[in-house]
Amino acid sequence: MMARKNYLAWHIIGCIVFLALPIFLFPHPPEEKDFILSRPTQRDFIGNGIMLLIFYLNFFLLIPRLYFKQRYILYAFCIIAGFFIITLLPSFVTGHNPFSKPLSLASPPAQGHQPVMPKPEGFTFMEEIRHHIFLYVAVILFSVLLRVRNRLYRTEMARNHAEIISLKMQINPHFLFNTLNNIYAFAVREKAPGTASSILKLSGLMRYVVTETGNGFVTLEKEISYINDYVELQRMRLDKRVELSYSVTGSTNQQLIAPLVLIPFIENAFKHGVNPDEESSINIAIAIDEKMLKLVVENNKVKVAQDPHTKSGHGIENTKARLQLLYPDRHSLILSEDEKHFRVQLTIDLK
């Protein structure tokens, strides 16, 4: 909260300083004594105010929705339109025709002489607004660089977070796998095939997380196999009154996908959609074609008592951030709900 307040305070200070620039830096005709109330100064104040609006519009809207999604022509059109607004609108608002012939301000007449009419000389329109052009270019470049820096920072944070999770999962993995193998062997000897099968699937899940997810992308076949084992383990523990439907259609064809990007939505359905005392149903469908993968997960809303550490919902938020970073313009995620149901529809372009 304190960091957010400091962030807001620095933005307010920066805006005030930027708006005050016309008083100290911009050129004014030497004949003007009270230049703070003069028409050029008013025009500069208006211009700087518009530039602030363009900066935040570019930072929060144009860059993420156009520039990052490679809609460069439309983005360039918006920037050019902003240029014409910043160069022409302040002059028109202050009653100055930028296309008229420039007039210099005349000196006050000496005592006993006739007033001197303004002469057609002085600042040209381009000379009057060249500082606006310079500032506009600087504002656009600064907003782009700042947004790109923030995106790279978020990418690095997500990567570091994934590395930390991977390190936690790799705490003496050989010991864990050897222990699971020993328990599996005991289950086989004691003729408990269900237990042996569960242990084998659990070992496969852990091995996948430890050995495969450190890569940027994995084969879709391995990811689907991981989800198959996870769903089967969940099916083994569920009460028979819980309706579970799971299907995978299509062929993987050696396609690649970011690891563990689908499982949080499936985990969430089992976490929030199962209660043996209520009608519970979970429907999971994965459809794959040559270029697209579509995941649909639906579950009933039921009352579930959870530990505090399972209520945060950080898994879904982290996955949404990963999707935005890894598939910025190649995915669609729709989360919808009503009083009784929650639905996830995720589409990823695998090309």
Protein backbone atom coordinates (compact mmCIF):
# COMPACT_ATOMS: atom_id res chain seq x y z
CA MET A 1 0.00 0.00 0.00
CA MET A 2 2.83 2.41 0.86
CA ALA A 3 4.61 1.64 -2.41
CA ARG A 4 1.40 2.32 -4.32
CA LYS A 5 0.96 5.68 -2.56
CA ASN A 6 4.56 6.62 -3.36
CA TYR A 7 4.02 5.59 -6.97
CA LEU A 8 0.92 7.80 -7.20
CA ALA A 9 2.72 10.70 -5.49
CA TRP A 10 5.60 10.56 -7.97
CA HIS A 11 3.12 10.58 -10.86
CA ILE A 12 1.36 13.65 -9.46
CA ILE A 13 4.67 15.47 -8.92
CA GLY A 14 5.81 14.59 -12.44
CA CYS A 15 2.55 15.88 -13.94
CA ILE A 16 2.82 19.18 -12.03
CA VAL A 17 6.43 19.69 -13.13
CA PHE A 18 5.54 18.87 -16.73
CA LEU A 19 2.63 21.31 -16.73
CA ALA A 20 4.91 24.05 -15.28
CA LEU A 21 7.46 23.76 -18.08
CA PRO A 22 5.96 26.63 -20.14
CA ILE A 23 6.77 29.09 -17.35
CA PHE A 24 10.50 28.32 -17.31
CA LEU A 25 11.59 26.77 -20.59
CA PHE A 26 9.45 27.68 -23.55
CA PRO A 27 10.27 30.77 -25.68
CA HIS A 28 8.21 33.93 -25.40
CA PRO A 29 8.45 37.23 -27.26
CA PRO A 30 10.61 39.64 -25.26
CA GLU A 31 7.95 42.36 -25.48
CA GLU A 32 5.60 40.37 -23.26
CA LYS A 33 5.89 41.42 -19.64
CA ASP A 34 3.14 39.30 -18.15
CA PHE A 35 3.90 36.25 -20.28
CA ILE A 36 2.27 33.84 -17.79
CA LEU A 37 -1.16 35.07 -18.93
CA SER A 38 -0.15 35.55 -22.55
CA ARG A 39 -1.71 33.61 -25.38
CA PRO A 40 1.47 31.59 -26.22
CA THR A 41 1.81 30.51 -22.58
CA GLN A 42 -1.84 29.48 -22.44
CA ARG A 43 -1.32 27.50 -25.64
CA ASP A 44 1.73 25.79 -24.10
CA PHE A 45 -0.20 24.88 -20.94
CA ILE A 46 -2.98 23.36 -23.03
CA GLY A 47 -0.45 21.52 -25.19
CA ASN A 48 1.30 20.02 -22.17
CA GLY A 49 -2.02 18.97 -20.68
CA ILE A 50 -2.97 17.19 -23.90
CA MET A 51 0.46 15.53 -23.99
CA LEU A 52 -0.09 14.14 -20.50
CA LEU A 53 -3.39 12.66 -21.64
CA ILE A 54 -1.70 11.17 -24.72
CA PHE A 55 1.08 9.71 -22.53
CA TYR A 56 -1.35 7.81 -20.29
CA LEU A 57 -3.57 6.85 -23.23
CA ASN A 58 -0.53 5.47 -25.04
CA PHE A 59 0.84 3.73 -21.93
CA PHE A 60 -2.36 2.05 -20.73
CA LEU A 61 -4.32 1.53 -23.96
CA LEU A 62 -2.51 1.94 -27.29
CA ILE A 63 0.71 0.07 -26.48
CA PRO A 64 -0.84 -3.05 -24.90
CA ARG A 65 -3.78 -3.29 -27.31
CA LEU A 66 -2.10 -2.23 -30.56
CA TYR A 67 1.70 -2.16 -30.34
CA PHE A 68 2.17 -5.40 -28.36
CA LYS A 69 -0.41 -7.15 -30.57
CA GLN A 70 1.54 -6.14 -33.70
CA ARG A 71 -1.20 -3.88 -35.05
CA TYR A 72 1.46 -1.43 -36.13
CA ILE A 73 -0.44 0.40 -38.88
CA LEU A 74 -3.34 1.32 -36.60
CA TYR A 75 -0.88 2.25 -33.83
CA ALA A 76 1.08 4.51 -36.22
CA PHE A 77 -2.19 6.15 -37.34
CA CYS A 78 -3.08 6.93 -33.71
CA ILE A 79 0.37 8.41 -33.05
CA ILE A 80 0.19 10.59 -36.18
CA ALA A 81 -3.30 11.73 -35.21
CA GLY A 82 -1.96 12.65 -31.77
CA PHE A 83 0.81 14.66 -33.44
CA PHE A 84 -1.68 16.78 -35.38
CA ILE A 85 -3.82 17.25 -32.28
CA ILE A 86 -0.86 18.43 -30.21
CA THR A 87 0.38 20.85 -32.88
CA LEU A 88 -2.92 22.41 -34.00
CA LEU A 89 -5.56 22.11 -31.27
CA PRO A 90 -3.87 24.33 -28.62
CA SER A 91 -3.50 27.15 -31.15
CA PHE A 92 -7.12 26.96 -32.25
CA VAL A 93 -8.34 26.83 -28.64
CA THR A 94 -6.40 30.02 -27.80
CA GLY A 95 -7.73 31.84 -30.88
CA HIS A 96 -4.58 31.70 -32.99
CA ASN A 97 -4.75 30.61 -36.60
CA PRO A 98 -1.57 28.60 -37.22
CA PHE A 99 -1.85 29.11 -40.96
CA SER A 100 -1.92 32.90 -40.79
CA LYS A 101 1.13 35.06 -41.40
CA PRO A 102 3.11 35.51 -38.16
CA LEU A 103 3.00 38.92 -36.54
CA SER A 104 5.53 40.21 -34.06
CA LEU A 105 4.30 42.24 -31.11
CA ALA A 106 5.02 45.93 -31.51
CA SER A 107 6.83 47.98 -28.87
CA PRO A 108 4.66 50.47 -26.97
CA PRO A 109 4.71 53.87 -28.73
CA ALA A 110 6.95 56.60 -27.39
CA GLN A 111 5.34 59.72 -25.97
CA GLY A 112 4.11 61.98 -28.77
CA HIS A 113 4.34 59.33 -31.47
CA GLN A 114 1.70 57.35 -33.27
CA PRO A 115 1.24 53.68 -32.28
CA VAL A 116 3.38 51.32 -34.29
CA MET A 117 1.43 48.64 -36.14
CA PRO A 118 2.58 45.00 -35.82
CA LYS A 119 4.99 43.92 -38.50
CA PRO A 120 4.76 40.63 -40.40
CA GLU A 121 7.82 39.12 -38.80
CA GLY A 122 8.78 37.21 -35.66
CA PHE A 123 8.27 33.58 -34.73
CA THR A 124 6.91 31.36 -37.45
CA PHE A 125 4.33 28.79 -36.43
CA MET A 126 6.85 25.92 -36.62
CA GLU A 127 9.27 27.90 -34.43
CA GLU A 128 6.49 28.49 -31.92
CA ILE A 129 5.58 24.80 -31.62
CA ARG A 130 8.93 23.08 -32.20
CA HIS A 131 9.26 22.46 -28.47
CA HIS A 132 5.84 20.76 -28.60
CA ILE A 133 7.08 18.50 -31.40
CA PHE A 134 10.21 17.64 -29.42
CA LEU A 135 8.21 16.95 -26.25
CA TYR A 136 5.65 14.86 -28.14
CA VAL A 137 8.34 12.62 -29.61
CA ALA A 138 9.97 12.33 -26.17
CA VAL A 139 6.64 11.48 -24.52
CA ILE A 140 5.83 8.75 -27.06
CA LEU A 141 9.32 7.20 -26.87
CA PHE A 142 9.35 7.36 -23.07
CA SER A 143 5.94 5.70 -22.74
CA VAL A 144 6.96 2.91 -25.14
CA LEU A 145 10.28 2.32 -23.37
CA LEU A 146 8.61 2.38 -19.96
CA ARG A 147 5.92 -0.09 -21.04
CA VAL A 148 8.45 -2.43 -22.66
CA ARG A 149 10.58 -2.26 -19.52
CA ASN A 150 7.58 -3.15 -17.36
CA ARG A 151 6.76 -6.07 -19.61
CA LEU A 152 10.32 -7.39 -19.48
CA TYR A 153 10.28 -6.96 -15.71
CA ARG A 154 7.06 -8.97 -15.39
CA THR A 155 8.51 -11.65 -17.66
CA GLU A 156 11.63 -11.87 -15.52
CA MET A 157 9.56 -11.98 -12.33
CA ALA A 158 7.42 -14.79 -13.74
CA ARG A 159 10.56 -16.66 -14.77
CA ASN A 160 12.09 -16.24 -11.32
CA HIS A 161 8.84 -17.36 -9.71
CA ALA A 162 8.81 -20.47 -11.89
CA GLU A 163 12.44 -21.16 -11.01
CA ILE A 164 11.66 -20.89 -7.29
CA ILE A 165 8.77 -23.31 -7.67
CA SER A 166 11.02 -25.65 -9.64
CA LEU A 167 13.67 -25.49 -6.92
CA LYS A 168 11.09 -26.30 -4.27
CA MET A 169 9.95 -29.28 -6.32
CA GLN A 170 13.52 -30.50 -6.74
CA ILE A 171 14.27 -30.96 -3.02
CA ASN A 172 16.10 -34.27 -3.16
CA PRO A 173 13.94 -35.66 -6.01
CA HIS A 174 15.89 -38.92 -6.18
CA PHE A 175 14.93 -39.67 -2.58
CA LEU A 176 11.27 -39.01 -3.34
CA PHE A 177 11.27 -41.15 -6.48
CA ASN A 178 13.12 -44.00 -4.79
CA THR A 179 10.65 -43.90 -1.89
CA LEU A 180 7.69 -43.99 -4.27
CA ASN A 181 9.25 -46.88 -6.17
CA ASN A 182 9.70 -48.80 -2.93
CA ILE A 183 6.08 -48.16 -1.91
CA TYR A 184 4.99 -49.25 -5.40
CA ALA A 185 6.95 -52.47 -5.01
CA PHE A 186 5.33 -53.13 -1.61
CA ALA A 187 1.87 -52.56 -3.11
CA VAL A 188 2.57 -55.02 -5.93
CA ARG A 189 3.84 -57.66 -3.51
CA GLU A 190 0.80 -57.18 -1.30
CA LYS A 191 -1.44 -57.52 -4.35
CA ALA A 192 -2.97 -54.05 -4.14
CA PRO A 193 -3.19 -53.09 -7.83
CA GLY A 194 -5.21 -49.92 -7.17
CA THR A 195 -2.62 -48.62 -4.74
CA ALA A 196 0.22 -49.58 -7.08
CA SER A 197 -1.44 -47.80 -10.00
CA SER A 198 -1.98 -44.65 -7.92
CA ILE A 199 1.64 -44.59 -6.81
CA LEU A 200 2.85 -45.07 -10.38
CA LYS A 201 0.73 -42.17 -11.64
CA LEU A 202 1.82 -39.94 -8.77
CA SER A 203 5.46 -40.74 -9.51
CA GLY A 204 4.87 -39.83 -13.15
CA LEU A 205 3.30 -36.51 -12.17
CA MET A 206 6.21 -35.59 -9.92
CA ARG A 207 8.81 -36.67 -12.48
CA TYR A 208 7.14 -34.54 -15.15
CA VAL A 209 7.08 -31.45 -12.93
CA VAL A 210 10.71 -31.90 -11.88
CA THR A 211 12.30 -32.86 -15.19
CA GLU A 212 10.16 -31.28 -17.91
CA THR A 213 8.72 -27.99 -16.70
CA GLY A 214 12.13 -26.29 -16.53
CA ASN A 215 11.96 -26.04 -20.32
CA GLY A 216 10.19 -23.16 -21.98
CA PHE A 217 7.94 -25.51 -23.96
CA VAL A 218 7.17 -29.22 -23.90
CA THR A 219 5.45 -31.52 -26.35
CA LEU A 220 1.70 -31.41 -26.16
CA GLU A 221 1.69 -35.20 -25.86
CA LYS A 222 3.58 -35.05 -22.54
CA GLU A 223 1.33 -32.28 -21.22
CA ILE A 224 -1.82 -34.23 -22.08
CA SER A 225 -0.35 -37.37 -20.50
CA TYR A 226 0.30 -35.40 -17.32
CA ILE A 227 -3.31 -34.17 -17.26
CA ASN A 228 -4.57 -37.72 -17.90
CA ASP A 229 -2.71 -39.03 -14.86
CA TYR A 230 -3.87 -36.12 -12.72
CA VAL A 231 -7.52 -36.63 -13.64
CA GLU A 232 -7.28 -40.39 -13.04
CA LEU A 233 -5.80 -39.82 -9.57
CA GLN A 234 -8.65 -37.44 -8.79
CA ARG A 235 -11.18 -39.95 -10.11
CA MET A 236 -9.81 -42.61 -7.73
CA ARG A 237 -10.44 -40.48 -4.67
CA LEU A 238 -13.82 -39.05 -5.67
CA ASP A 239 -17.10 -40.32 -4.31
CA LYS A 240 -19.20 -42.18 -6.85
CA ARG A 241 -21.88 -39.51 -6.55
CA VAL A 242 -19.56 -36.98 -8.17
CA GLU A 243 -20.11 -36.89 -11.92
CA LEU A 244 -16.77 -36.54 -13.71
CA SER A 245 -16.57 -36.26 -17.49
CA TYR A 246 -13.15 -36.00 -19.14
CA SER A 247 -12.35 -36.19 -22.85
CA VAL A 248 -9.47 -35.41 -25.19
CA THR A 249 -10.08 -35.25 -28.93
CA GLY A 250 -7.68 -34.64 -31.77
CA SER A 251 -4.04 -35.46 -32.37
CA THR A 252 -1.01 -33.78 -30.74
CA ASN A 253 1.24 -34.15 -33.84
CA GLN A 254 4.38 -33.20 -31.90
CA GLN A 255 3.05 -29.72 -31.20
CA LEU A 256 4.57 -27.68 -28.37
CA ILE A 257 2.92 -25.91 -25.46
CA ALA A 258 4.02 -24.04 -22.35
CA PRO A 259 4.14 -26.59 -19.47
CA LEU A 260 1.48 -26.56 -16.75
CA VAL A 261 -0.55 -23.82 -18.43
CA LEU A 262 -3.76 -25.89 -18.54
CA ILE A 263 -3.67 -27.71 -15.22
CA PRO A 264 -4.50 -24.73 -12.89
CA PHE A 265 -8.00 -24.45 -14.42
CA ILE A 266 -8.54 -28.19 -14.00
CA GLU A 267 -7.20 -28.15 -10.44
CA ASN A 268 -9.53 -25.27 -9.65
CA ALA A 269 -12.54 -27.31 -10.74
CA PHE A 270 -11.64 -30.16 -8.38
CA LYS A 271 -10.84 -27.72 -5.59
CA HIS A 272 -14.12 -25.78 -5.76
CA GLY A 273 -16.49 -28.22 -7.43
CA VAL A 274 -16.47 -31.30 -5.19
CA ASN A 275 -18.55 -31.79 -2.07
CA PRO A 276 -19.87 -35.29 -1.20
CA ASP A 277 -22.89 -33.73 0.53
CA GLU A 278 -24.02 -31.80 -2.55
CA GLU A 279 -24.68 -32.55 -6.18
CA SER A 280 -21.26 -32.19 -7.79
CA SER A 281 -20.25 -32.45 -11.41
CA ILE A 282 -17.07 -31.65 -13.33
CA ASN A 283 -16.82 -31.60 -17.12
CA ILE A 284 -13.40 -31.29 -18.77
CA ALA A 285 -12.98 -31.29 -22.54
CA ILE A 286 -9.79 -30.75 -24.53
CA ALA A 287 -10.06 -30.42 -28.31
CA ILE A 288 -6.95 -30.25 -30.51
CA ASP A 289 -6.64 -29.58 -34.20
CA GLU A 290 -3.67 -28.69 -36.39
CA LYS A 291 -3.07 -25.27 -34.86
CA MET A 292 -5.51 -24.70 -32.02
CA LEU A 293 -6.14 -26.16 -28.60
CA LYS A 294 -9.40 -25.54 -26.79
CA LEU A 295 -9.96 -26.33 -23.12
CA VAL A 296 -13.41 -26.16 -21.56
CA VAL A 297 -13.85 -26.78 -17.83
CA GLU A 298 -17.21 -26.61 -16.08
CA ASN A 299 -18.07 -27.37 -12.47
CA ASN A 300 -20.90 -26.88 -10.02
CA LYS A 301 -20.44 -24.34 -7.27
CA VAL A 302 -20.46 -26.13 -3.93
CA LYS A 303 -19.52 -25.27 -0.37
CA VAL A 304 -15.98 -26.43 0.27
CA ALA A 305 -14.02 -26.01 3.50
CA GLN A 306 -10.48 -25.07 2.54
CA ASP A 307 -7.27 -24.33 4.33
CA PRO A 308 -6.26 -20.63 4.29
CA HIS A 309 -3.34 -21.29 1.95
CA THR A 310 -5.69 -22.72 -0.70
CA LYS A 311 -8.02 -19.70 -0.87
CA SER A 312 -5.73 -17.17 -2.49
CA GLY A 313 -6.47 -18.00 -6.13
CA HIS A 314 -2.92 -17.05 -7.06
CA GLY A 315 -2.66 -20.09 -9.36
CA ILE A 316 -5.27 -18.75 -11.76
CA GLU A 317 -3.87 -15.21 -11.66
CA ASN A 318 -0.31 -16.45 -12.27
CA THR A 319 -1.52 -18.58 -15.17
CA LYS A 320 -3.36 -15.61 -16.70
CA ALA A 321 -0.12 -13.61 -16.46
CA ARG A 322 1.85 -16.47 -18.05
CA LEU A 323 -0.65 -16.71 -20.91
CA GLN A 324 -0.38 -12.97 -21.51
CA LEU A 325 3.41 -13.17 -21.60
CA LEU A 326 3.78 -16.39 -23.60
CA TYR A 327 0.76 -16.04 -25.92
CA PRO A 328 0.04 -12.28 -25.89
CA ASP A 329 -2.05 -12.26 -29.07
CA ARG A 330 -2.51 -16.01 -29.50
CA HIS A 331 -4.94 -16.96 -26.76
CA SER A 332 -8.46 -16.29 -25.59
CA LEU A 333 -9.55 -16.86 -21.99
CA ILE A 334 -13.19 -16.50 -20.95
CA LEU A 335 -14.18 -17.03 -17.32
CA SER A 336 -17.94 -17.04 -16.73
CA GLU A 337 -20.20 -18.00 -13.87
CA ASP A 338 -23.74 -17.93 -12.59
CA GLU A 339 -25.28 -18.84 -9.27
CA LYS A 340 -24.63 -22.58 -9.67
CA HIS A 341 -21.89 -23.04 -12.26
CA PHE A 342 -18.38 -21.85 -13.11
CA ARG A 343 -17.00 -22.18 -16.64
CA VAL A 344 -13.56 -21.74 -18.18
CA GLN A 345 -13.01 -21.57 -21.93
CA LEU A 346 -9.38 -21.29 -23.02
CA THR A 347 -8.23 -21.27 -26.63
CA ILE A 348 -4.51 -21.26 -27.52
CA ASP A 349 -2.99 -20.84 -30.94
CA LEU A 350 -0.19 -23.44 -31.04
CA LYS A 351 1.36 -22.39 -34.33
